[in-house]
Every structure is written in structure tokens, then in C-alpha cells.
Amino acid sequence: GVPDAVLADAGFEPDTRPRARKGSSRRSPSSRGRRVSTEEIREHVRSRTAPFTLKDVAGGLGGSPMTIRKAVEDLVAAGEVERLGPVPDYRGRGRAPVQYRTKA
């Protein structure tokens, strides 16, 4: 917030870089999934017949990763969904995602 003339008199070059706006986010609004309730996620998961990952649910329905995780973990605790463990033969970066399956 110091005027450029004062900085120049002190021997500093003025900063010409663009400044970020206050309250701006690094993440663009389009990178977030659409707003989805935990009940919508539960219904979507209950309708699945094949094993799935949390990323599969996000791709098919939308929603934030934490909301999806909470809804699926609630179904696991209720005994409606079974946690199968890491995806076998996973070749991607990082840890293998966890697979789940609805109980019939």
C-alpha cells in the first residue's frame, strides 16, 4: 500500500505484479461437483450393482469428496454396503482407492 514514488525514493522498484483480489479462491467454481445431499448419494449407491469407488460415485452423481465419503461410510455402518478393500492391480499414482459393494 506504499506509493510507488516513496518506494522509488527509498531505492526499491515498485511491484508491478498483478495482485489477487481479496476473498478470491485458487479453485475455479467449475472444478467443484454440483451440490448433492447425502440422501441423494445414498440412493445412488443403493442402486449400484457392481463394485465401486468413491470416485465412481462422484463421476456419476457429483458432490464433494467429503460428502460422498460420509454418505458411503454411513451405509457401511448401517450394514448396507461392504468395504472390499483396495482396488486390485491398481497402477495409478498414490495409494489404491478403496472399493465398495452394496449388499443384496
PDB file of N, CA and C in Angstrom:
ATOM      1  N   GLY A   1       0.789  -1.187   0.000  1.00  0.00           N
ATOM      2  CA  GLY A   1       0.000   0.000   0.000  1.00  0.00           C
ATOM      3  C   GLY A   1       0.846   1.273   0.000  1.00  0.00           C
ATOM      4  N   VAL A   2       2.163   1.123  -0.126  1.00  0.00           N
ATOM      5  CA  VAL A   2       3.043   2.294  -0.137  1.00  0.00           C
ATOM      6  C   VAL A   2       3.075   2.858  -1.559  1.00  0.00           C
ATOM      7  N   PRO A   3       2.968   4.180  -1.705  1.00  0.00           N
ATOM      8  CA  PRO A   3       3.008   4.774  -3.046  1.00  0.00           C
ATOM      9  C   PRO A   3       4.323   4.465  -3.761  1.00  0.00           C
ATOM     10  N   ASP A   4       4.251   4.303  -5.092  1.00  0.00           N
ATOM     11  CA  ASP A   4       5.431   3.970  -5.892  1.00  0.00           C
ATOM     12  C   ASP A   4       6.538   5.009  -5.747  1.00  0.00           C
ATOM     13  N   ALA A   5       6.191   6.311  -5.638  1.00  0.00           N
ATOM     14  CA  ALA A   5       7.193   7.378  -5.515  1.00  0.00           C
ATOM     15  C   ALA A   5       8.004   7.217  -4.234  1.00  0.00           C
ATOM     16  N   VAL A   6       7.338   6.828  -3.133  1.00  0.00           N
ATOM     17  CA  VAL A   6       8.031   6.634  -1.855  1.00  0.00           C
ATOM     18  C   VAL A   6       8.972   5.435  -1.960  1.00  0.00           C
ATOM     19  N   LEU A   7       8.524   4.369  -2.601  1.00  0.00           N
ATOM     20  CA  LEU A   7       9.381   3.188  -2.785  1.00  0.00           C
ATOM     21  C   LEU A   7      10.590   3.523  -3.642  1.00  0.00           C
ATOM     22  N   ALA A   8      10.385   4.306  -4.705  1.00  0.00           N
ATOM     23  CA  ALA A   8      11.493   4.691  -5.585  1.00  0.00           C
ATOM     24  C   ALA A   8      12.508   5.550  -4.836  1.00  0.00           C
ATOM     25  N   ASP A   9      12.020   6.481  -4.000  1.00  0.00           N
ATOM     26  CA  ASP A   9      12.917   7.326  -3.205  1.00  0.00           C
ATOM     27  C   ASP A   9      13.735   6.489  -2.224  1.00  0.00           C
ATOM     28  N   ALA A  10      13.178   5.399  -1.756  1.00  0.00           N
ATOM     29  CA  ALA A  10      13.874   4.528  -0.800  1.00  0.00           C
ATOM     30  C   ALA A  10      14.794   3.534  -1.503  1.00  0.00           C
ATOM     31  N   GLY A  11      14.789   3.523  -2.836  1.00  0.00           N
ATOM     32  CA  GLY A  11      15.674   2.629  -3.572  1.00  0.00           C
ATOM     33  C   GLY A  11      15.035   1.311  -3.975  1.00  0.00           C
ATOM     34  N   PHE A  12      13.739   1.187  -3.783  1.00  0.00           N
ATOM     35  CA  PHE A  12      13.035  -0.037  -4.172  1.00  0.00           C
ATOM     36  C   PHE A  12      12.330   0.172  -5.501  1.00  0.00           C
ATOM     37  N   GLU A  13      12.242  -0.911  -6.277  1.00  0.00           N
ATOM     38  CA  GLU A  13      11.464  -0.840  -7.507  1.00  0.00           C
ATOM     39  C   GLU A  13      10.021  -1.184  -7.179  1.00  0.00           C
ATOM     40  N   PRO A  14       9.081  -0.470  -7.766  1.00  0.00           N
ATOM     41  CA  PRO A  14       7.671  -0.776  -7.490  1.00  0.00           C
ATOM     42  C   PRO A  14       7.316  -2.180  -7.982  1.00  0.00           C
ATOM     43  N   ASP A  15       6.424  -2.830  -7.260  1.00  0.00           N
ATOM     44  CA  ASP A  15       5.949  -4.175  -7.612  1.00  0.00           C
ATOM     45  C   ASP A  15       4.884  -4.049  -8.692  1.00  0.00           C
ATOM     46  N   THR A  16       5.149  -4.597  -9.866  1.00  0.00           N
ATOM     47  CA  THR A  16       4.202  -4.488 -10.981  1.00  0.00           C
ATOM     48  C   THR A  16       3.389  -5.754 -11.196  1.00  0.00           C
ATOM     49  N   ARG A  17       3.588  -6.744 -10.316  1.00  0.00           N
ATOM     50  CA  ARG A  17       2.819  -7.994 -10.456  1.00  0.00           C
ATOM     51  C   ARG A  17       1.349  -7.751 -10.145  1.00  0.00           C
ATOM     52  N   PRO A  18       0.447  -8.435 -10.855  1.00  0.00           N
ATOM     53  CA  PRO A  18      -0.978  -8.270 -10.539  1.00  0.00           C
ATOM     54  C   PRO A  18      -1.272  -8.846  -9.155  1.00  0.00           C
ATOM     55  N   ARG A  19      -2.139  -8.209  -8.441  1.00  0.00           N
ATOM     56  CA  ARG A  19      -2.483  -8.651  -7.091  1.00  0.00           C
ATOM     57  C   ARG A  19      -3.767  -9.469  -7.117  1.00  0.00           C
ATOM     58  N   ALA A  20      -3.808 -10.464  -6.248  1.00  0.00           N
ATOM     59  CA  ALA A  20      -5.014 -11.280  -6.122  1.00  0.00           C
ATOM     60  C   ALA A  20      -6.081 -10.469  -5.399  1.00  0.00           C
ATOM     61  N   ARG A  21      -7.295 -10.653  -5.785  1.00  0.00           N
ATOM     62  CA  ARG A  21      -8.395  -9.961  -5.119  1.00  0.00           C
ATOM     63  C   ARG A  21      -8.646 -10.604  -3.773  1.00  0.00           C
ATOM     64  N   LYS A  22      -9.039  -9.796  -2.834  1.00  0.00           N
ATOM     65  CA  LYS A  22      -9.345 -10.304  -1.502  1.00  0.00           C
ATOM     66  C   LYS A  22     -10.543 -11.242  -1.585  1.00  0.00           C
ATOM     67  N   GLY A  23     -10.415 -12.400  -0.930  1.00  0.00           N
ATOM     68  CA  GLY A  23     -11.507 -13.362  -0.918  1.00  0.00           C
ATOM     69  C   GLY A  23     -11.570 -14.238  -2.145  1.00  0.00           C
ATOM     70  N   SER A  24     -10.629 -14.084  -3.069  1.00  0.00           N
ATOM     71  CA  SER A  24     -10.654 -14.934  -4.261  1.00  0.00           C
ATOM     72  C   SER A  24     -10.153 -16.325  -3.897  1.00  0.00           C
ATOM     73  N   SER A  25     -10.551 -17.269  -4.642  1.00  0.00           N
ATOM     74  CA  SER A  25     -10.175 -18.657  -4.405  1.00  0.00           C
ATOM     75  C   SER A  25      -9.256 -19.134  -5.506  1.00  0.00           C
ATOM     76  N   ARG A  26      -8.343 -20.014  -5.171  1.00  0.00           N
ATOM     77  CA  ARG A  26      -7.465 -20.601  -6.184  1.00  0.00           C
ATOM     78  C   ARG A  26      -8.235 -21.587  -7.047  1.00  0.00           C
ATOM     79  N   ARG A  27      -9.293 -22.092  -6.551  1.00  0.00           N
ATOM     80  CA  ARG A  27     -10.072 -23.109  -7.233  1.00  0.00           C
ATOM     81  C   ARG A  27     -11.204 -22.459  -8.010  1.00  0.00           C
ATOM     82  N   SER A  28     -11.364 -22.843  -9.241  1.00  0.00           N
ATOM     83  CA  SER A  28     -12.451 -22.263 -10.019  1.00  0.00           C
ATOM     84  C   SER A  28     -13.763 -22.946  -9.636  1.00  0.00           C
ATOM     85  N   PRO A  29     -14.869 -22.224  -9.687  1.00  0.00           N
ATOM     86  CA  PRO A  29     -16.146 -22.818  -9.293  1.00  0.00           C
ATOM     87  C   PRO A  29     -16.512 -24.033 -10.142  1.00  0.00           C
ATOM     88  N   SER A  30     -16.033 -24.097 -11.379  1.00  0.00           N
ATOM     89  CA  SER A  30     -16.387 -25.220 -12.245  1.00  0.00           C
ATOM     90  C   SER A  30     -15.664 -26.509 -11.861  1.00  0.00           C
ATOM     91  N   SER A  31     -14.619 -26.431 -11.013  1.00  0.00           N
ATOM     92  CA  SER A  31     -13.889 -27.638 -10.649  1.00  0.00           C
ATOM     93  C   SER A  31     -14.568 -28.393  -9.513  1.00  0.00           C
ATOM     94  N   ARG A  32     -15.577 -27.794  -8.901  1.00  0.00           N
ATOM     95  CA  ARG A  32     -16.279 -28.467  -7.820  1.00  0.00           C
ATOM     96  C   ARG A  32     -17.485 -29.199  -8.385  1.00  0.00           C
ATOM     97  N   GLY A  33     -17.828 -30.314  -7.758  1.00  0.00           N
ATOM     98  CA  GLY A  33     -19.002 -31.060  -8.193  1.00  0.00           C
ATOM     99  C   GLY A  33     -20.269 -30.303  -7.853  1.00  0.00           C
ATOM    100  N   ARG A  34     -21.362 -30.674  -8.480  1.00  0.00           N
ATOM    101  CA  ARG A  34     -22.615 -29.987  -8.172  1.00  0.00           C
ATOM    102  C   ARG A  34     -23.042 -30.354  -6.756  1.00  0.00           C
ATOM    103  N   ARG A  35     -23.819 -29.508  -6.143  1.00  0.00           N
ATOM    104  CA  ARG A  35     -24.250 -29.710  -4.764  1.00  0.00           C
ATOM    105  C   ARG A  35     -25.229 -30.884  -4.708  1.00  0.00           C
ATOM    106  N   VAL A  36     -24.894 -31.874  -3.877  1.00  0.00           N
ATOM    107  CA  VAL A  36     -25.688 -33.095  -3.770  1.00  0.00           C
ATOM    108  C   VAL A  36     -25.861 -33.412  -2.290  1.00  0.00           C
ATOM    109  N   SER A  37     -27.046 -33.824  -1.894  1.00  0.00           N
ATOM    110  CA  SER A  37     -27.296 -34.169  -0.493  1.00  0.00           C
ATOM    111  C   SER A  37     -26.799 -35.583  -0.199  1.00  0.00           C
ATOM    112  N   THR A  38     -26.571 -35.863   1.076  1.00  0.00           N
ATOM    113  CA  THR A  38     -26.139 -37.212   1.456  1.00  0.00           C
ATOM    114  C   THR A  38     -27.214 -38.236   1.110  1.00  0.00           C
ATOM    115  N   GLU A  39     -28.484 -37.848   1.178  1.00  0.00           N
ATOM    116  CA  GLU A  39     -29.556 -38.792   0.834  1.00  0.00           C
ATOM    117  C   GLU A  39     -29.536 -39.139  -0.653  1.00  0.00           C
ATOM    118  N   GLU A  40     -29.253 -38.153  -1.522  1.00  0.00           N
ATOM    119  CA  GLU A  40     -29.123 -38.441  -2.956  1.00  0.00           C
ATOM    120  C   GLU A  40     -27.966 -39.415  -3.200  1.00  0.00           C
ATOM    121  N   ILE A  41     -26.876 -39.215  -2.486  1.00  0.00           N
ATOM    122  CA  ILE A  41     -25.717 -40.098  -2.634  1.00  0.00           C
ATOM    123  C   ILE A  41     -26.068 -41.502  -2.165  1.00  0.00           C
ATOM    124  N   ARG A  42     -26.744 -41.607  -1.027  1.00  0.00           N
ATOM    125  CA  ARG A  42     -27.144 -42.939  -0.516  1.00  0.00           C
ATOM    126  C   ARG A  42     -28.028 -43.675  -1.519  1.00  0.00           C
ATOM    127  N   GLU A  43     -29.007 -42.969  -2.104  1.00  0.00           N
ATOM    128  CA  GLU A  43     -29.889 -43.601  -3.089  1.00  0.00           C
ATOM    129  C   GLU A  43     -29.114 -44.033  -4.321  1.00  0.00           C
ATOM    130  N   HIS A  44     -28.180 -43.218  -4.765  1.00  0.00           N
ATOM    131  CA  HIS A  44     -27.341 -43.569  -5.924  1.00  0.00           C
ATOM    132  C   HIS A  44     -26.514 -44.820  -5.625  1.00  0.00           C
ATOM    133  N   VAL A  45     -25.915 -44.868  -4.444  1.00  0.00           N
ATOM    134  CA  VAL A  45     -25.084 -46.019  -4.065  1.00  0.00           C
ATOM    135  C   VAL A  45     -25.935 -47.273  -3.945  1.00  0.00           C
ATOM    136  N   ARG A  46     -27.114 -47.159  -3.355  1.00  0.00           N
ATOM    137  CA  ARG A  46     -28.003 -48.329  -3.199  1.00  0.00           C
ATOM    138  C   ARG A  46     -28.411 -48.909  -4.551  1.00  0.00           C
ATOM    139  N   SER A  47     -28.461 -48.077  -5.601  1.00  0.00           N
ATOM    140  CA  SER A  47     -28.889 -48.546  -6.925  1.00  0.00           C
ATOM    141  C   SER A  47     -27.756 -49.223  -7.699  1.00  0.00           C
ATOM    142  N   ARG A  48     -26.524 -49.141  -7.219  1.00  0.00           N
ATOM    143  CA  ARG A  48     -25.375 -49.731  -7.931  1.00  0.00           C
ATOM    144  C   ARG A  48     -25.333 -51.236  -7.707  1.00  0.00           C
ATOM    145  N   THR A  49     -24.955 -51.964  -8.749  1.00  0.00           N
ATOM    146  CA  THR A  49     -24.855 -53.423  -8.631  1.00  0.00           C
ATOM    147  C   THR A  49     -23.413 -53.910  -8.670  1.00  0.00           C
ATOM    148  N   ALA A  50     -22.542 -53.174  -9.324  1.00  0.00           N
ATOM    149  CA  ALA A  50     -21.129 -53.568  -9.436  1.00  0.00           C
ATOM    150  C   ALA A  50     -20.315 -52.879  -8.346  1.00  0.00           C
ATOM    151  N   PRO A  51     -19.143 -53.425  -8.008  1.00  0.00           N
ATOM    152  CA  PRO A  51     -18.258 -52.737  -7.059  1.00  0.00           C
ATOM    153  C   PRO A  51     -17.930 -51.334  -7.564  1.00  0.00           C
ATOM    154  N   PHE A  52     -17.724 -50.413  -6.632  1.00  0.00           N
ATOM    155  CA  PHE A  52     -17.487 -49.013  -6.992  1.00  0.00           C
ATOM    156  C   PHE A  52     -16.484 -48.389  -6.033  1.00  0.00           C
ATOM    157  N   THR A  53     -15.932 -47.252  -6.461  1.00  0.00           N
ATOM    158  CA  THR A  53     -15.075 -46.431  -5.611  1.00  0.00           C
ATOM    159  C   THR A  53     -15.788 -45.110  -5.360  1.00  0.00           C
ATOM    160  N   LEU A  54     -15.248 -44.322  -4.450  1.00  0.00           N
ATOM    161  CA  LEU A  54     -15.842 -43.011  -4.183  1.00  0.00           C
ATOM    162  C   LEU A  54     -15.763 -42.124  -5.419  1.00  0.00           C
ATOM    163  N   LYS A  55     -14.705 -42.276  -6.203  1.00  0.00           N
ATOM    164  CA  LYS A  55     -14.554 -41.502  -7.434  1.00  0.00           C
ATOM    165  C   LYS A  55     -15.638 -41.880  -8.448  1.00  0.00           C
ATOM    166  N   ASP A  56     -16.009 -43.155  -8.491  1.00  0.00           N
ATOM    167  CA  ASP A  56     -17.093 -43.585  -9.375  1.00  0.00           C
ATOM    168  C   ASP A  56     -18.401 -42.878  -9.009  1.00  0.00           C
ATOM    169  N   VAL A  57     -18.665 -42.753  -7.715  1.00  0.00           N
ATOM    170  CA  VAL A  57     -19.886 -42.084  -7.259  1.00  0.00           C
ATOM    171  C   VAL A  57     -19.839 -40.615  -7.662  1.00  0.00           C
ATOM    172  N   ALA A  58     -18.701 -39.967  -7.461  1.00  0.00           N
ATOM    173  CA  ALA A  58     -18.561 -38.554  -7.819  1.00  0.00           C
ATOM    174  C   ALA A  58     -18.754 -38.350  -9.317  1.00  0.00           C
ATOM    175  N   GLY A  59     -18.214 -39.255 -10.125  1.00  0.00           N
ATOM    176  CA  GLY A  59     -18.353 -39.134 -11.572  1.00  0.00           C
ATOM    177  C   GLY A  59     -19.781 -39.348 -12.041  1.00  0.00           C
ATOM    178  N   GLY A  60     -20.526 -40.199 -11.371  1.00  0.00           N
ATOM    179  CA  GLY A  60     -21.892 -40.488 -11.781  1.00  0.00           C
ATOM    180  C   GLY A  60     -22.929 -39.548 -11.213  1.00  0.00           C
ATOM    181  N   LEU A  61     -22.572 -38.851 -10.134  1.00  0.00           N
ATOM    182  CA  LEU A  61     -23.576 -38.061  -9.439  1.00  0.00           C
ATOM    183  C   LEU A  61     -23.121 -36.633  -9.154  1.00  0.00           C
ATOM    184  N   GLY A  62     -21.866 -36.455  -8.839  1.00  0.00           N
ATOM    185  CA  GLY A  62     -21.359 -35.152  -8.401  1.00  0.00           C
ATOM    186  C   GLY A  62     -21.225 -35.156  -6.894  1.00  0.00           C
ATOM    187  N   GLY A  63     -21.029 -33.998  -6.322  1.00  0.00           N
ATOM    188  CA  GLY A  63     -20.899 -33.884  -4.875  1.00  0.00           C
ATOM    189  C   GLY A  63     -19.455 -33.763  -4.445  1.00  0.00           C
ATOM    190  N   SER A  64     -19.267 -33.280  -3.243  1.00  0.00           N
ATOM    191  CA  SER A  64     -17.911 -33.108  -2.726  1.00  0.00           C
ATOM    192  C   SER A  64     -17.372 -34.440  -2.226  1.00  0.00           C
ATOM    193  N   PRO A  65     -16.057 -34.626  -2.275  1.00  0.00           N
ATOM    194  CA  PRO A  65     -15.471 -35.883  -1.800  1.00  0.00           C
ATOM    195  C   PRO A  65     -15.836 -36.203  -0.348  1.00  0.00           C
ATOM    196  N   MET A  66     -15.856 -35.198   0.519  1.00  0.00           N
ATOM    197  CA  MET A  66     -16.174 -35.462   1.931  1.00  0.00           C
ATOM    198  C   MET A  66     -17.641 -35.853   2.122  1.00  0.00           C
ATOM    199  N   THR A  67     -18.544 -35.258   1.367  1.00  0.00           N
ATOM    200  CA  THR A  67     -19.958 -35.622   1.472  1.00  0.00           C
ATOM    201  C   THR A  67     -20.172 -37.045   0.980  1.00  0.00           C
ATOM    202  N   ILE A  68     -19.513 -37.406  -0.110  1.00  0.00           N
ATOM    203  CA  ILE A  68     -19.620 -38.769  -0.645  1.00  0.00           C
ATOM    204  C   ILE A  68     -19.056 -39.770   0.356  1.00  0.00           C
ATOM    205  N   ARG A  69     -17.877 -39.473   0.901  1.00  0.00           N
ATOM    206  CA  ARG A  69     -17.254 -40.374   1.875  1.00  0.00           C
ATOM    207  C   ARG A  69     -18.165 -40.576   3.086  1.00  0.00           C
ATOM    208  N   LYS A  70     -18.745 -39.486   3.598  1.00  0.00           N
ATOM    209  CA  LYS A  70     -19.624 -39.585   4.764  1.00  0.00           C
ATOM    210  C   LYS A  70     -20.850 -40.442   4.457  1.00  0.00           C
ATOM    211  N   ALA A  71     -21.483 -40.215   3.317  1.00  0.00           N
ATOM    212  CA  ALA A  71     -22.682 -40.972   2.967  1.00  0.00           C
ATOM    213  C   ALA A  71     -22.366 -42.459   2.812  1.00  0.00           C
ATOM    214  N   VAL A  72     -21.246 -42.783   2.157  1.00  0.00           N
ATOM    215  CA  VAL A  72     -20.877 -44.195   1.957  1.00  0.00           C
ATOM    216  C   VAL A  72     -20.500 -44.834   3.291  1.00  0.00           C
ATOM    217  N   GLU A  73     -19.747 -44.125   4.132  1.00  0.00           N
ATOM    218  CA  GLU A  73     -19.376 -44.684   5.441  1.00  0.00           C
ATOM    219  C   GLU A  73     -20.605 -44.890   6.323  1.00  0.00           C
ATOM    220  N   ASP A  74     -21.609 -44.021   6.198  1.00  0.00           N
ATOM    221  CA  ASP A  74     -22.872 -44.221   6.927  1.00  0.00           C
ATOM    222  C   ASP A  74     -23.549 -45.513   6.479  1.00  0.00           C
ATOM    223  N   LEU A  75     -23.515 -45.789   5.164  1.00  0.00           N
ATOM    224  CA  LEU A  75     -24.112 -47.022   4.642  1.00  0.00           C
ATOM    225  C   LEU A  75     -23.319 -48.250   5.078  1.00  0.00           C
ATOM    226  N   VAL A  76     -22.006 -48.122   5.178  1.00  0.00           N
ATOM    227  CA  VAL A  76     -21.169 -49.225   5.674  1.00  0.00           C
ATOM    228  C   VAL A  76     -21.540 -49.519   7.128  1.00  0.00           C
ATOM    229  N   ALA A  77     -21.661 -48.460   7.946  1.00  0.00           N
ATOM    230  CA  ALA A  77     -22.012 -48.618   9.362  1.00  0.00           C
ATOM    231  C   ALA A  77     -23.403 -49.226   9.534  1.00  0.00           C
ATOM    232  N   ALA A  78     -24.312 -48.923   8.599  1.00  0.00           N
ATOM    233  CA  ALA A  78     -25.675 -49.457   8.661  1.00  0.00           C
ATOM    234  C   ALA A  78     -25.757 -50.887   8.119  1.00  0.00           C
ATOM    235  N   GLY A  79     -24.656 -51.391   7.547  1.00  0.00           N
ATOM    236  CA  GLY A  79     -24.642 -52.754   7.017  1.00  0.00           C
ATOM    237  C   GLY A  79     -25.198 -52.892   5.616  1.00  0.00           C
ATOM    238  N   GLU A  80     -25.448 -51.787   4.927  1.00  0.00           N
ATOM    239  CA  GLU A  80     -25.998 -51.839   3.571  1.00  0.00           C
ATOM    240  C   GLU A  80     -24.913 -51.939   2.507  1.00  0.00           C
ATOM    241  N   VAL A  81     -23.700 -51.505   2.837  1.00  0.00           N
ATOM    242  CA  VAL A  81     -22.584 -51.504   1.895  1.00  0.00           C
ATOM    243  C   VAL A  81     -21.402 -52.201   2.556  1.00  0.00           C
ATOM    244  N   GLU A  82     -20.673 -52.948   1.763  1.00  0.00           N
ATOM    245  CA  GLU A  82     -19.494 -53.674   2.251  1.00  0.00           C
ATOM    246  C   GLU A  82     -18.225 -53.029   1.700  1.00  0.00           C
ATOM    247  N   ARG A  83     -17.250 -52.833   2.561  1.00  0.00           N
ATOM    248  CA  ARG A  83     -15.948 -52.295   2.149  1.00  0.00           C
ATOM    249  C   ARG A  83     -15.094 -53.473   1.698  1.00  0.00           C
ATOM    250  N   LEU A  84     -14.693 -53.479   0.408  1.00  0.00           N
ATOM    251  CA  LEU A  84     -13.945 -54.607  -0.153  1.00  0.00           C
ATOM    252  C   LEU A  84     -12.435 -54.466  -0.003  1.00  0.00           C
ATOM    253  N   GLY A  85     -11.946 -53.248   0.168  1.00  0.00           N
ATOM    254  CA  GLY A  85     -10.512 -53.019   0.269  1.00  0.00           C
ATOM    255  C   GLY A  85      -9.974 -52.344  -0.975  1.00  0.00           C
ATOM    256  N   PRO A  86      -8.637 -52.226  -1.058  1.00  0.00           N
ATOM    257  CA  PRO A  86      -8.029 -51.526  -2.200  1.00  0.00           C
ATOM    258  C   PRO A  86      -8.333 -52.205  -3.533  1.00  0.00           C
ATOM    259  N   VAL A  87      -8.390 -51.392  -4.586  1.00  0.00           N
ATOM    260  CA  VAL A  87      -8.624 -51.904  -5.940  1.00  0.00           C
ATOM    261  C   VAL A  87      -7.451 -52.808  -6.313  1.00  0.00           C
ATOM    262  N   PRO A  88      -7.716 -54.057  -6.707  1.00  0.00           N
ATOM    263  CA  PRO A  88      -6.611 -54.951  -7.087  1.00  0.00           C
ATOM    264  C   PRO A  88      -5.940 -54.472  -8.379  1.00  0.00           C
ATOM    265  N   ASP A  89      -4.640 -54.683  -8.472  1.00  0.00           N
ATOM    266  CA  ASP A  89      -3.844 -54.338  -9.666  1.00  0.00           C
ATOM    267  C   ASP A  89      -3.935 -52.854 -10.026  1.00  0.00           C
ATOM    268  N   TYR A  90      -4.052 -51.988  -9.035  1.00  0.00           N
ATOM    269  CA  TYR A  90      -4.111 -50.543  -9.285  1.00  0.00           C
ATOM    270  C   TYR A  90      -2.754 -50.063  -9.779  1.00  0.00           C
ATOM    271  N   ARG A  91      -2.722 -49.307 -10.866  1.00  0.00           N
ATOM    272  CA  ARG A  91      -1.465 -48.848 -11.467  1.00  0.00           C
ATOM    273  C   ARG A  91      -1.319 -47.325 -11.465  1.00  0.00           C
ATOM    274  N   GLY A  92      -2.249 -46.615 -10.867  1.00  0.00           N
ATOM    275  CA  GLY A  92      -2.189 -45.156 -10.862  1.00  0.00           C
ATOM    276  C   GLY A  92      -1.224 -44.617  -9.826  1.00  0.00           C
ATOM    277  N   ARG A  93      -1.177 -43.315  -9.710  1.00  0.00           N
ATOM    278  CA  ARG A  93      -0.313 -42.672  -8.733  1.00  0.00           C
ATOM    279  C   ARG A  93      -0.935 -42.742  -7.350  1.00  0.00           C
ATOM    280  N   GLY A  94      -0.104 -42.840  -6.346  1.00  0.00           N
ATOM    281  CA  GLY A  94      -0.584 -42.815  -4.967  1.00  0.00           C
ATOM    282  C   GLY A  94      -1.179 -44.134  -4.529  1.00  0.00           C
ATOM    283  N   ARG A  95      -1.864 -44.063  -3.424  1.00  0.00           N
ATOM    284  CA  ARG A  95      -2.482 -45.236  -2.828  1.00  0.00           C
ATOM    285  C   ARG A  95      -3.692 -45.688  -3.649  1.00  0.00           C
ATOM    286  N   ALA A  96      -3.926 -46.984  -3.697  1.00  0.00           N
ATOM    287  CA  ALA A  96      -5.070 -47.518  -4.446  1.00  0.00           C
ATOM    288  C   ALA A  96      -6.377 -47.095  -3.779  1.00  0.00           C
ATOM    289  N   PRO A  97      -7.382 -46.710  -4.562  1.00  0.00           N
ATOM    290  CA  PRO A  97      -8.673 -46.355  -3.978  1.00  0.00           C
ATOM    291  C   PRO A  97      -9.364 -47.593  -3.398  1.00  0.00           C
ATOM    292  N   VAL A  98     -10.243 -47.370  -2.455  1.00  0.00           N
ATOM    293  CA  VAL A  98     -10.984 -48.453  -1.803  1.00  0.00           C
ATOM    294  C   VAL A  98     -12.238 -48.760  -2.608  1.00  0.00           C
ATOM    295  N   GLN A  99     -12.503 -50.049  -2.771  1.00  0.00           N
ATOM    296  CA  GLN A  99     -13.732 -50.481  -3.463  1.00  0.00           C
ATOM    297  C   GLN A  99     -14.813 -50.802  -2.426  1.00  0.00           C
ATOM    298  N   TYR A 100     -16.046 -50.580  -2.834  1.00  0.00           N
ATOM    299  CA  TYR A 100     -17.219 -50.891  -2.026  1.00  0.00           C
ATOM    300  C   TYR A 100     -18.195 -51.676  -2.877  1.00  0.00           C
ATOM    301  N   ARG A 101     -19.132 -52.390  -2.216  1.00  0.00           N
ATOM    302  CA  ARG A 101     -20.179 -53.127  -2.913  1.00  0.00           C
ATOM    303  C   ARG A 101     -21.440 -53.097  -2.051  1.00  0.00           C
ATOM    304  N   THR A 102     -22.589 -52.893  -2.701  1.00  0.00           N
ATOM    305  CA  THR A 102     -23.837 -52.927  -1.960  1.00  0.00           C
ATOM    306  C   THR A 102     -24.166 -54.384  -1.619  1.00  0.00           C
ATOM    307  N   LYS A 103     -24.735 -54.578  -0.449  1.00  0.00           N
ATOM    308  CA  LYS A 103     -25.134 -55.927  -0.033  1.00  0.00           C
ATOM    309  C   LYS A 103     -26.524 -56.210  -0.572  1.00  0.00           C
ATOM    310  N   ALA A 104     -26.697 -57.384  -1.097  1.00  0.00           N
ATOM    311  CA  ALA A 104     -28.013 -57.737  -1.682  1.00  0.00           C
ATOM    312  C   ALA A 104     -28.904 -58.401  -0.683  1.00  0.00           C
TER     313      ALA A 104
END
